[in-house]
Amino acid sequence: MIYPTIDQLTEGKFNRYELVVGVAKGARIVTDEYVEMRSRAQKMIENHETDKPLSALIDPEYKDQKAVKIAIAKLVDGEFKMVRSED
């Protein structure tokens, strides 16, 4: 079973297409955060600011899960919000 369900994610306000677009945009934000986190960690290692391995300097949530799954979790938690733009 998939949790959360599509009905829980859309809350009756958005259709499935809008949900897919919203989650994809959220996943892109998550991916950008991961890339930034990784580049900061690599610079710290190159500048000998830390003796920790790269994997220890990256948030485990970002390292161990897919960007789409993180984006859905952030949508459920309220960290990401879907807003319909009015034309």
PDB file of N, CA and C in Angstrom:
ATOM      1  N   MET A   1       0.839  -1.176   0.000  1.00  0.00           N
ATOM      2  CA  MET A   1       0.000   0.000   0.000  1.00  0.00           C
ATOM      3  C   MET A   1       0.886   1.242   0.000  1.00  0.00           C
ATOM      4  N   ILE A   2       0.485   2.216  -0.763  1.00  0.00           N
ATOM      5  CA  ILE A   2       1.233   3.461  -0.863  1.00  0.00           C
ATOM      6  C   ILE A   2       0.726   4.428   0.197  1.00  0.00           C
ATOM      7  N   TYR A   3       1.653   4.969   0.963  1.00  0.00           N
ATOM      8  CA  TYR A   3       1.288   5.980   1.945  1.00  0.00           C
ATOM      9  C   TYR A   3       2.090   7.224   1.669  1.00  0.00           C
ATOM     10  N   PRO A   4       1.548   8.349   1.686  1.00  0.00           N
ATOM     11  CA  PRO A   4       0.128   8.673   1.761  1.00  0.00           C
ATOM     12  C   PRO A   4      -0.559   8.444   0.429  1.00  0.00           C
ATOM     13  N   THR A   5      -1.864   8.315   0.473  1.00  0.00           N
ATOM     14  CA  THR A   5      -2.603   8.075  -0.759  1.00  0.00           C
ATOM     15  C   THR A   5      -2.683   9.359  -1.580  1.00  0.00           C
ATOM     16  N   ILE A   6      -3.032   9.214  -2.841  1.00  0.00           N
ATOM     17  CA  ILE A   6      -3.156  10.380  -3.722  1.00  0.00           C
ATOM     18  C   ILE A   6      -4.241  11.302  -3.204  1.00  0.00           C
ATOM     19  N   ASP A   7      -5.335  10.736  -2.697  1.00  0.00           N
ATOM     20  CA  ASP A   7      -6.429  11.561  -2.166  1.00  0.00           C
ATOM     21  C   ASP A   7      -5.971  12.388  -0.968  1.00  0.00           C
ATOM     22  N   GLN A   8      -5.129  11.813  -0.125  1.00  0.00           N
ATOM     23  CA  GLN A   8      -4.607  12.561   1.020  1.00  0.00           C
ATOM     24  C   GLN A   8      -3.677  13.677   0.566  1.00  0.00           C
ATOM     25  N   LEU A   9      -2.910  13.430  -0.467  1.00  0.00           N
ATOM     26  CA  LEU A   9      -1.976  14.442  -0.951  1.00  0.00           C
ATOM     27  C   LEU A   9      -2.688  15.592  -1.661  1.00  0.00           C
ATOM     28  N   THR A  10      -3.711  15.273  -2.427  1.00  0.00           N
ATOM     29  CA  THR A  10      -4.388  16.324  -3.186  1.00  0.00           C
ATOM     30  C   THR A  10      -5.390  17.089  -2.339  1.00  0.00           C
ATOM     31  N   GLU A  11      -5.894  16.468  -1.287  1.00  0.00           N
ATOM     32  CA  GLU A  11      -6.876  17.083  -0.381  1.00  0.00           C
ATOM     33  C   GLU A  11      -8.090  17.616  -1.134  1.00  0.00           C
ATOM     34  N   GLY A  12      -8.369  17.038  -2.290  1.00  0.00           N
ATOM     35  CA  GLY A  12      -9.512  17.478  -3.071  1.00  0.00           C
ATOM     36  C   GLY A  12      -9.337  18.809  -3.769  1.00  0.00           C
ATOM     37  N   LYS A  13      -8.176  19.446  -3.598  1.00  0.00           N
ATOM     38  CA  LYS A  13      -7.930  20.764  -4.185  1.00  0.00           C
ATOM     39  C   LYS A  13      -7.236  20.672  -5.539  1.00  0.00           C
ATOM     40  N   PHE A  14      -6.448  19.633  -5.736  1.00  0.00           N
ATOM     41  CA  PHE A  14      -5.626  19.506  -6.930  1.00  0.00           C
ATOM     42  C   PHE A  14      -5.921  18.187  -7.624  1.00  0.00           C
ATOM     43  N   ASN A  15      -5.752  18.158  -8.932  1.00  0.00           N
ATOM     44  CA  ASN A  15      -5.905  16.892  -9.635  1.00  0.00           C
ATOM     45  C   ASN A  15      -4.558  16.162  -9.658  1.00  0.00           C
ATOM     46  N   ARG A  16      -4.542  14.964 -10.198  1.00  0.00           N
ATOM     47  CA  ARG A  16      -3.326  14.146 -10.185  1.00  0.00           C
ATOM     48  C   ARG A  16      -2.195  14.774 -10.993  1.00  0.00           C
ATOM     49  N   TYR A  17      -2.537  15.400 -12.097  1.00  0.00           N
ATOM     50  CA  TYR A  17      -1.510  16.040 -12.919  1.00  0.00           C
ATOM     51  C   TYR A  17      -0.823  17.155 -12.131  1.00  0.00           C
ATOM     52  N   GLU A  18      -1.599  17.974 -11.460  1.00  0.00           N
ATOM     53  CA  GLU A  18      -1.025  19.062 -10.660  1.00  0.00           C
ATOM     54  C   GLU A  18      -0.171  18.511  -9.532  1.00  0.00           C
ATOM     55  N   LEU A  19      -0.590  17.397  -8.967  1.00  0.00           N
ATOM     56  CA  LEU A  19       0.195  16.756  -7.908  1.00  0.00           C
ATOM     57  C   LEU A  19       1.539  16.282  -8.441  1.00  0.00           C
ATOM     58  N   VAL A  20       1.550  15.663  -9.610  1.00  0.00           N
ATOM     59  CA  VAL A  20       2.801  15.184 -10.204  1.00  0.00           C
ATOM     60  C   VAL A  20       3.746  16.350 -10.469  1.00  0.00           C
ATOM     61  N   VAL A  21       3.218  17.435 -11.022  1.00  0.00           N
ATOM     62  CA  VAL A  21       4.051  18.605 -11.303  1.00  0.00           C
ATOM     63  C   VAL A  21       4.592  19.199 -10.001  1.00  0.00           C
ATOM     64  N   GLY A  22       3.746  19.296  -8.979  1.00  0.00           N
ATOM     65  CA  GLY A  22       4.180  19.842  -7.689  1.00  0.00           C
ATOM     66  C   GLY A  22       5.253  19.000  -7.025  1.00  0.00           C
ATOM     67  N   VAL A  23       5.077  17.683  -7.041  1.00  0.00           N
ATOM     68  CA  VAL A  23       6.077  16.782  -6.440  1.00  0.00           C
ATOM     69  C   VAL A  23       7.377  16.830  -7.239  1.00  0.00           C
ATOM     70  N   ALA A  24       7.283  16.930  -8.552  1.00  0.00           N
ATOM     71  CA  ALA A  24       8.495  17.016  -9.379  1.00  0.00           C
ATOM     72  C   ALA A  24       9.273  18.285  -9.064  1.00  0.00           C
ATOM     73  N   LYS A  25       8.575  19.396  -8.878  1.00  0.00           N
ATOM     74  CA  LYS A  25       9.255  20.646  -8.516  1.00  0.00           C
ATOM     75  C   LYS A  25       9.883  20.528  -7.135  1.00  0.00           C
ATOM     76  N   GLY A  26       9.184  19.877  -6.207  1.00  0.00           N
ATOM     77  CA  GLY A  26       9.744  19.657  -4.878  1.00  0.00           C
ATOM     78  C   GLY A  26      10.966  18.767  -4.917  1.00  0.00           C
ATOM     79  N   ALA A  27      10.920  17.726  -5.762  1.00  0.00           N
ATOM     80  CA  ALA A  27      12.071  16.820  -5.893  1.00  0.00           C
ATOM     81  C   ALA A  27      13.273  17.566  -6.459  1.00  0.00           C
ATOM     82  N   ARG A  28      13.023  18.511  -7.351  1.00  0.00           N
ATOM     83  CA  ARG A  28      14.129  19.315  -7.903  1.00  0.00           C
ATOM     84  C   ARG A  28      14.762  20.172  -6.813  1.00  0.00           C
ATOM     85  N   ILE A  29      13.955  20.723  -5.939  1.00  0.00           N
ATOM     86  CA  ILE A  29      14.474  21.513  -4.807  1.00  0.00           C
ATOM     87  C   ILE A  29      15.319  20.620  -3.908  1.00  0.00           C
ATOM     88  N   VAL A  30      14.825  19.431  -3.616  1.00  0.00           N
ATOM     89  CA  VAL A  30      15.556  18.483  -2.763  1.00  0.00           C
ATOM     90  C   VAL A  30      16.884  18.104  -3.408  1.00  0.00           C
ATOM     91  N   THR A  31      16.874  17.863  -4.717  1.00  0.00           N
ATOM     92  CA  THR A  31      18.100  17.512  -5.428  1.00  0.00           C
ATOM     93  C   THR A  31      19.103  18.656  -5.380  1.00  0.00           C
ATOM     94  N   ASP A  32      18.624  19.879  -5.556  1.00  0.00           N
ATOM     95  CA  ASP A  32      19.511  21.040  -5.480  1.00  0.00           C
ATOM     96  C   ASP A  32      20.124  21.179  -4.086  1.00  0.00           C
ATOM     97  N   GLU A  33      19.325  20.928  -3.046  1.00  0.00           N
ATOM     98  CA  GLU A  33      19.841  20.975  -1.671  1.00  0.00           C
ATOM     99  C   GLU A  33      20.920  19.918  -1.460  1.00  0.00           C
ATOM    100  N   TYR A  34      20.692  18.715  -2.002  1.00  0.00           N
ATOM    101  CA  TYR A  34      21.671  17.641  -1.871  1.00  0.00           C
ATOM    102  C   TYR A  34      22.978  18.004  -2.573  1.00  0.00           C
ATOM    103  N   VAL A  35      22.885  18.544  -3.775  1.00  0.00           N
ATOM    104  CA  VAL A  35      24.085  18.923  -4.532  1.00  0.00           C
ATOM    105  C   VAL A  35      24.865  19.995  -3.779  1.00  0.00           C
ATOM    106  N   GLU A  36      24.162  20.960  -3.216  1.00  0.00           N
ATOM    107  CA  GLU A  36      24.827  22.020  -2.451  1.00  0.00           C
ATOM    108  C   GLU A  36      25.499  21.450  -1.200  1.00  0.00           C
ATOM    109  N   MET A  37      24.793  20.559  -0.500  1.00  0.00           N
ATOM    110  CA  MET A  37      25.334  19.933   0.700  1.00  0.00           C
ATOM    111  C   MET A  37      26.591  19.123   0.373  1.00  0.00           C
ATOM    112  N   ARG A  38      26.545  18.391  -0.728  1.00  0.00           N
ATOM    113  CA  ARG A  38      27.685  17.563  -1.136  1.00  0.00           C
ATOM    114  C   ARG A  38      28.882  18.420  -1.535  1.00  0.00           C
ATOM    115  N   SER A  39      28.631  19.525  -2.253  1.00  0.00           N
ATOM    116  CA  SER A  39      29.756  20.368  -2.669  1.00  0.00           C
ATOM    117  C   SER A  39      30.405  21.044  -1.459  1.00  0.00           C
ATOM    118  N   ARG A  40      29.588  21.468  -0.478  1.00  0.00           N
ATOM    119  CA  ARG A  40      30.165  22.033   0.749  1.00  0.00           C
ATOM    120  C   ARG A  40      31.011  21.008   1.481  1.00  0.00           C
ATOM    121  N   ALA A  41      30.530  19.771   1.533  1.00  0.00           N
ATOM    122  CA  ALA A  41      31.267  18.707   2.219  1.00  0.00           C
ATOM    123  C   ALA A  41      32.581  18.408   1.496  1.00  0.00           C
ATOM    124  N   GLN A  42      32.554  18.378   0.167  1.00  0.00           N
ATOM    125  CA  GLN A  42      33.780  18.125  -0.591  1.00  0.00           C
ATOM    126  C   GLN A  42      34.792  19.248  -0.391  1.00  0.00           C
ATOM    127  N   LYS A  43      34.337  20.498  -0.336  1.00  0.00           N
ATOM    128  CA  LYS A  43      35.259  21.614  -0.086  1.00  0.00           C
ATOM    129  C   LYS A  43      35.876  21.514   1.300  1.00  0.00           C
ATOM    130  N   MET A  44      35.076  21.090   2.286  1.00  0.00           N
ATOM    131  CA  MET A  44      35.616  20.927   3.634  1.00  0.00           C
ATOM    132  C   MET A  44      36.707  19.861   3.654  1.00  0.00           C
ATOM    133  N   ILE A  45      36.496  18.780   2.930  1.00  0.00           N
ATOM    134  CA  ILE A  45      37.481  17.699   2.879  1.00  0.00           C
ATOM    135  C   ILE A  45      38.735  18.157   2.139  1.00  0.00           C
ATOM    136  N   GLU A  46      38.564  18.858   1.023  1.00  0.00           N
ATOM    137  CA  GLU A  46      39.710  19.341   0.251  1.00  0.00           C
ATOM    138  C   GLU A  46      40.539  20.357   1.029  1.00  0.00           C
ATOM    139  N   ASN A  47      39.878  21.186   1.849  1.00  0.00           N
ATOM    140  CA  ASN A  47      40.576  22.210   2.635  1.00  0.00           C
ATOM    141  C   ASN A  47      41.061  21.675   3.981  1.00  0.00           C
ATOM    142  N   HIS A  48      40.906  20.380   4.201  1.00  0.00           N
ATOM    143  CA  HIS A  48      41.344  19.715   5.440  1.00  0.00           C
ATOM    144  C   HIS A  48      40.706  20.340   6.680  1.00  0.00           C
ATOM    145  N   GLU A  49      39.439  20.748   6.552  1.00  0.00           N
ATOM    146  CA  GLU A  49      38.705  21.305   7.680  1.00  0.00           C
ATOM    147  C   GLU A  49      38.104  20.210   8.554  1.00  0.00           C
ATOM    148  N   THR A  50      38.026  19.001   8.025  1.00  0.00           N
ATOM    149  CA  THR A  50      37.464  17.882   8.771  1.00  0.00           C
ATOM    150  C   THR A  50      38.151  16.597   8.350  1.00  0.00           C
ATOM    151  N   ASP A  51      38.095  15.619   9.234  1.00  0.00           N
ATOM    152  CA  ASP A  51      38.663  14.314   8.896  1.00  0.00           C
ATOM    153  C   ASP A  51      37.567  13.272   8.689  1.00  0.00           C
ATOM    154  N   LYS A  52      36.312  13.726   8.679  1.00  0.00           N
ATOM    155  CA  LYS A  52      35.185  12.826   8.474  1.00  0.00           C
ATOM    156  C   LYS A  52      35.074  12.453   6.996  1.00  0.00           C
ATOM    157  N   PRO A  53      34.530  11.275   6.709  1.00  0.00           N
ATOM    158  CA  PRO A  53      34.300  10.908   5.304  1.00  0.00           C
ATOM    159  C   PRO A  53      33.115  11.693   4.732  1.00  0.00           C
ATOM    160  N   LEU A  54      33.039  11.728   3.431  1.00  0.00           N
ATOM    161  CA  LEU A  54      31.986  12.473   2.748  1.00  0.00           C
ATOM    162  C   LEU A  54      30.596  12.023   3.177  1.00  0.00           C
ATOM    163  N   SER A  55      30.401  10.750   3.324  1.00  0.00           N
ATOM    164  CA  SER A  55      29.083  10.223   3.688  1.00  0.00           C
ATOM    165  C   SER A  55      28.630  10.676   5.074  1.00  0.00           C
ATOM    166  N   ALA A  56      29.568  10.970   5.961  1.00  0.00           N
ATOM    167  CA  ALA A  56      29.208  11.423   7.302  1.00  0.00           C
ATOM    168  C   ALA A  56      28.829  12.904   7.329  1.00  0.00           C
ATOM    169  N   LEU A  57      29.201  13.645   6.303  1.00  0.00           N
ATOM    170  CA  LEU A  57      28.922  15.077   6.266  1.00  0.00           C
ATOM    171  C   LEU A  57      27.601  15.417   5.570  1.00  0.00           C
ATOM    172  N   ILE A  58      26.970  14.430   4.958  1.00  0.00           N
ATOM    173  CA  ILE A  58      25.711  14.642   4.250  1.00  0.00           C
ATOM    174  C   ILE A  58      24.564  14.114   5.101  1.00  0.00           C
ATOM    175  N   ASP A  59      23.478  14.881   5.141  1.00  0.00           N
ATOM    176  CA  ASP A  59      22.289  14.496   5.897  1.00  0.00           C
ATOM    177  C   ASP A  59      21.820  13.108   5.453  1.00  0.00           C
ATOM    178  N   PRO A  60      21.648  12.171   6.392  1.00  0.00           N
ATOM    179  CA  PRO A  60      21.264  10.803   6.021  1.00  0.00           C
ATOM    180  C   PRO A  60      19.944  10.732   5.248  1.00  0.00           C
ATOM    181  N   GLU A  61      19.018  11.627   5.542  1.00  0.00           N
ATOM    182  CA  GLU A  61      17.748  11.613   4.817  1.00  0.00           C
ATOM    183  C   GLU A  61      17.982  11.831   3.324  1.00  0.00           C
ATOM    184  N   TYR A  62      18.831  12.770   2.982  1.00  0.00           N
ATOM    185  CA  TYR A  62      19.107  13.084   1.589  1.00  0.00           C
ATOM    186  C   TYR A  62      19.964  12.003   0.934  1.00  0.00           C
ATOM    187  N   LYS A  63      20.814  11.392   1.718  1.00  0.00           N
ATOM    188  CA  LYS A  63      21.738  10.394   1.191  1.00  0.00           C
ATOM    189  C   LYS A  63      21.053   9.051   0.946  1.00  0.00           C
ATOM    190  N   ASP A  64      20.112   8.680   1.799  1.00  0.00           N
ATOM    191  CA  ASP A  64      19.547   7.334   1.778  1.00  0.00           C
ATOM    192  C   ASP A  64      18.210   7.206   1.050  1.00  0.00           C
ATOM    193  N   GLN A  65      17.536   8.326   0.764  1.00  0.00           N
ATOM    194  CA  GLN A  65      16.221   8.251   0.147  1.00  0.00           C
ATOM    195  C   GLN A  65      16.194   8.954  -1.199  1.00  0.00           C
ATOM    196  N   LYS A  66      15.240   8.592  -2.011  1.00  0.00           N
ATOM    197  CA  LYS A  66      15.052   9.222  -3.312  1.00  0.00           C
ATOM    198  C   LYS A  66      14.445  10.606  -3.130  1.00  0.00           C
ATOM    199  N   ALA A  67      14.762  11.504  -4.053  1.00  0.00           N
ATOM    200  CA  ALA A  67      14.289  12.886  -3.972  1.00  0.00           C
ATOM    201  C   ALA A  67      12.766  12.969  -4.009  1.00  0.00           C
ATOM    202  N   VAL A  68      12.117  12.120  -4.793  1.00  0.00           N
ATOM    203  CA  VAL A  68      10.650  12.151  -4.881  1.00  0.00           C
ATOM    204  C   VAL A  68      10.030  11.762  -3.549  1.00  0.00           C
ATOM    205  N   LYS A  69      10.584  10.765  -2.898  1.00  0.00           N
ATOM    206  CA  LYS A  69      10.050  10.330  -1.607  1.00  0.00           C
ATOM    207  C   LYS A  69      10.209  11.434  -0.549  1.00  0.00           C
ATOM    208  N   ILE A  70      11.343  12.109  -0.566  1.00  0.00           N
ATOM    209  CA  ILE A  70      11.562  13.216   0.369  1.00  0.00           C
ATOM    210  C   ILE A  70      10.592  14.353   0.075  1.00  0.00           C
ATOM    211  N   ALA A  71      10.378  14.655  -1.212  1.00  0.00           N
ATOM    212  CA  ALA A  71       9.467  15.725  -1.592  1.00  0.00           C
ATOM    213  C   ALA A  71       8.037  15.415  -1.138  1.00  0.00           C
ATOM    214  N   ILE A  72       7.610  14.175  -1.285  1.00  0.00           N
ATOM    215  CA  ILE A  72       6.272  13.788  -0.829  1.00  0.00           C
ATOM    216  C   ILE A  72       6.171  13.921   0.683  1.00  0.00           C
ATOM    217  N   ALA A  73       7.202  13.492   1.402  1.00  0.00           N
ATOM    218  CA  ALA A  73       7.193  13.605   2.861  1.00  0.00           C
ATOM    219  C   ALA A  73       7.129  15.069   3.296  1.00  0.00           C
ATOM    220  N   LYS A  74       7.853  15.933   2.605  1.00  0.00           N
ATOM    221  CA  LYS A  74       7.825  17.355   2.948  1.00  0.00           C
ATOM    222  C   LYS A  74       6.472  17.974   2.609  1.00  0.00           C
ATOM    223  N   LEU A  75       5.823  17.486   1.574  1.00  0.00           N
ATOM    224  CA  LEU A  75       4.491  17.958   1.223  1.00  0.00           C
ATOM    225  C   LEU A  75       3.493  17.557   2.307  1.00  0.00           C
ATOM    226  N   VAL A  76       3.600  16.331   2.785  1.00  0.00           N
ATOM    227  CA  VAL A  76       2.714  15.851   3.843  1.00  0.00           C
ATOM    228  C   VAL A  76       2.958  16.608   5.145  1.00  0.00           C
ATOM    229  N   ASP A  77       4.227  16.865   5.468  1.00  0.00           N
ATOM    230  CA  ASP A  77       4.582  17.562   6.712  1.00  0.00           C
ATOM    231  C   ASP A  77       4.282  19.053   6.675  1.00  0.00           C
ATOM    232  N   GLY A  78       4.011  19.579   5.494  1.00  0.00           N
ATOM    233  CA  GLY A  78       3.705  21.004   5.377  1.00  0.00           C
ATOM    234  C   GLY A  78       4.913  21.874   5.078  1.00  0.00           C
ATOM    235  N   GLU A  79       6.079  21.272   4.890  1.00  0.00           N
ATOM    236  CA  GLU A  79       7.262  22.053   4.542  1.00  0.00           C
ATOM    237  C   GLU A  79       7.159  22.592   3.118  1.00  0.00           C
ATOM    238  N   PHE A  80       6.543  21.814   2.234  1.00  0.00           N
ATOM    239  CA  PHE A  80       6.261  22.246   0.870  1.00  0.00           C
ATOM    240  C   PHE A  80       4.758  22.434   0.748  1.00  0.00           C
ATOM    241  N   LYS A  81       4.355  23.445   0.030  1.00  0.00           N
ATOM    242  CA  LYS A  81       2.930  23.678  -0.199  1.00  0.00           C
ATOM    243  C   LYS A  81       2.685  23.823  -1.694  1.00  0.00           C
ATOM    244  N   MET A  82       1.573  23.304  -2.124  1.00  0.00           N
ATOM    245  CA  MET A  82       1.177  23.448  -3.523  1.00  0.00           C
ATOM    246  C   MET A  82       0.235  24.637  -3.632  1.00  0.00           C
ATOM    247  N   VAL A  83       0.544  25.508  -4.562  1.00  0.00           N
ATOM    248  CA  VAL A  83      -0.274  26.704  -4.755  1.00  0.00           C
ATOM    249  C   VAL A  83      -0.664  26.770  -6.220  1.00  0.00           C
ATOM    250  N   ARG A  84      -1.921  26.972  -6.460  1.00  0.00           N
ATOM    251  CA  ARG A  84      -2.413  27.082  -7.835  1.00  0.00           C
ATOM    252  C   ARG A  84      -2.286  28.543  -8.247  1.00  0.00           C
ATOM    253  N   SER A  85      -1.596  28.767  -9.340  1.00  0.00           N
ATOM    254  CA  SER A  85      -1.447  30.143  -9.827  1.00  0.00           C
ATOM    255  C   SER A  85      -2.707  30.534 -10.581  1.00  0.00           C
ATOM    256  N   GLU A  86      -3.191  31.712 -10.308  1.00  0.00           N
ATOM    257  CA  GLU A  86      -4.397  32.206 -10.971  1.00  0.00           C
ATOM    258  C   GLU A  86      -3.973  32.995 -12.185  1.00  0.00           C
ATOM    259  N   ASP A  87      -4.538  32.676 -13.334  1.00  0.00           N
ATOM    260  CA  ASP A  87      -4.193  33.375 -14.580  1.00  0.00           C
ATOM    261  C   ASP A  87      -4.878  34.706 -14.667  1.00  0.00           C
TER     262      ASP A  87
END
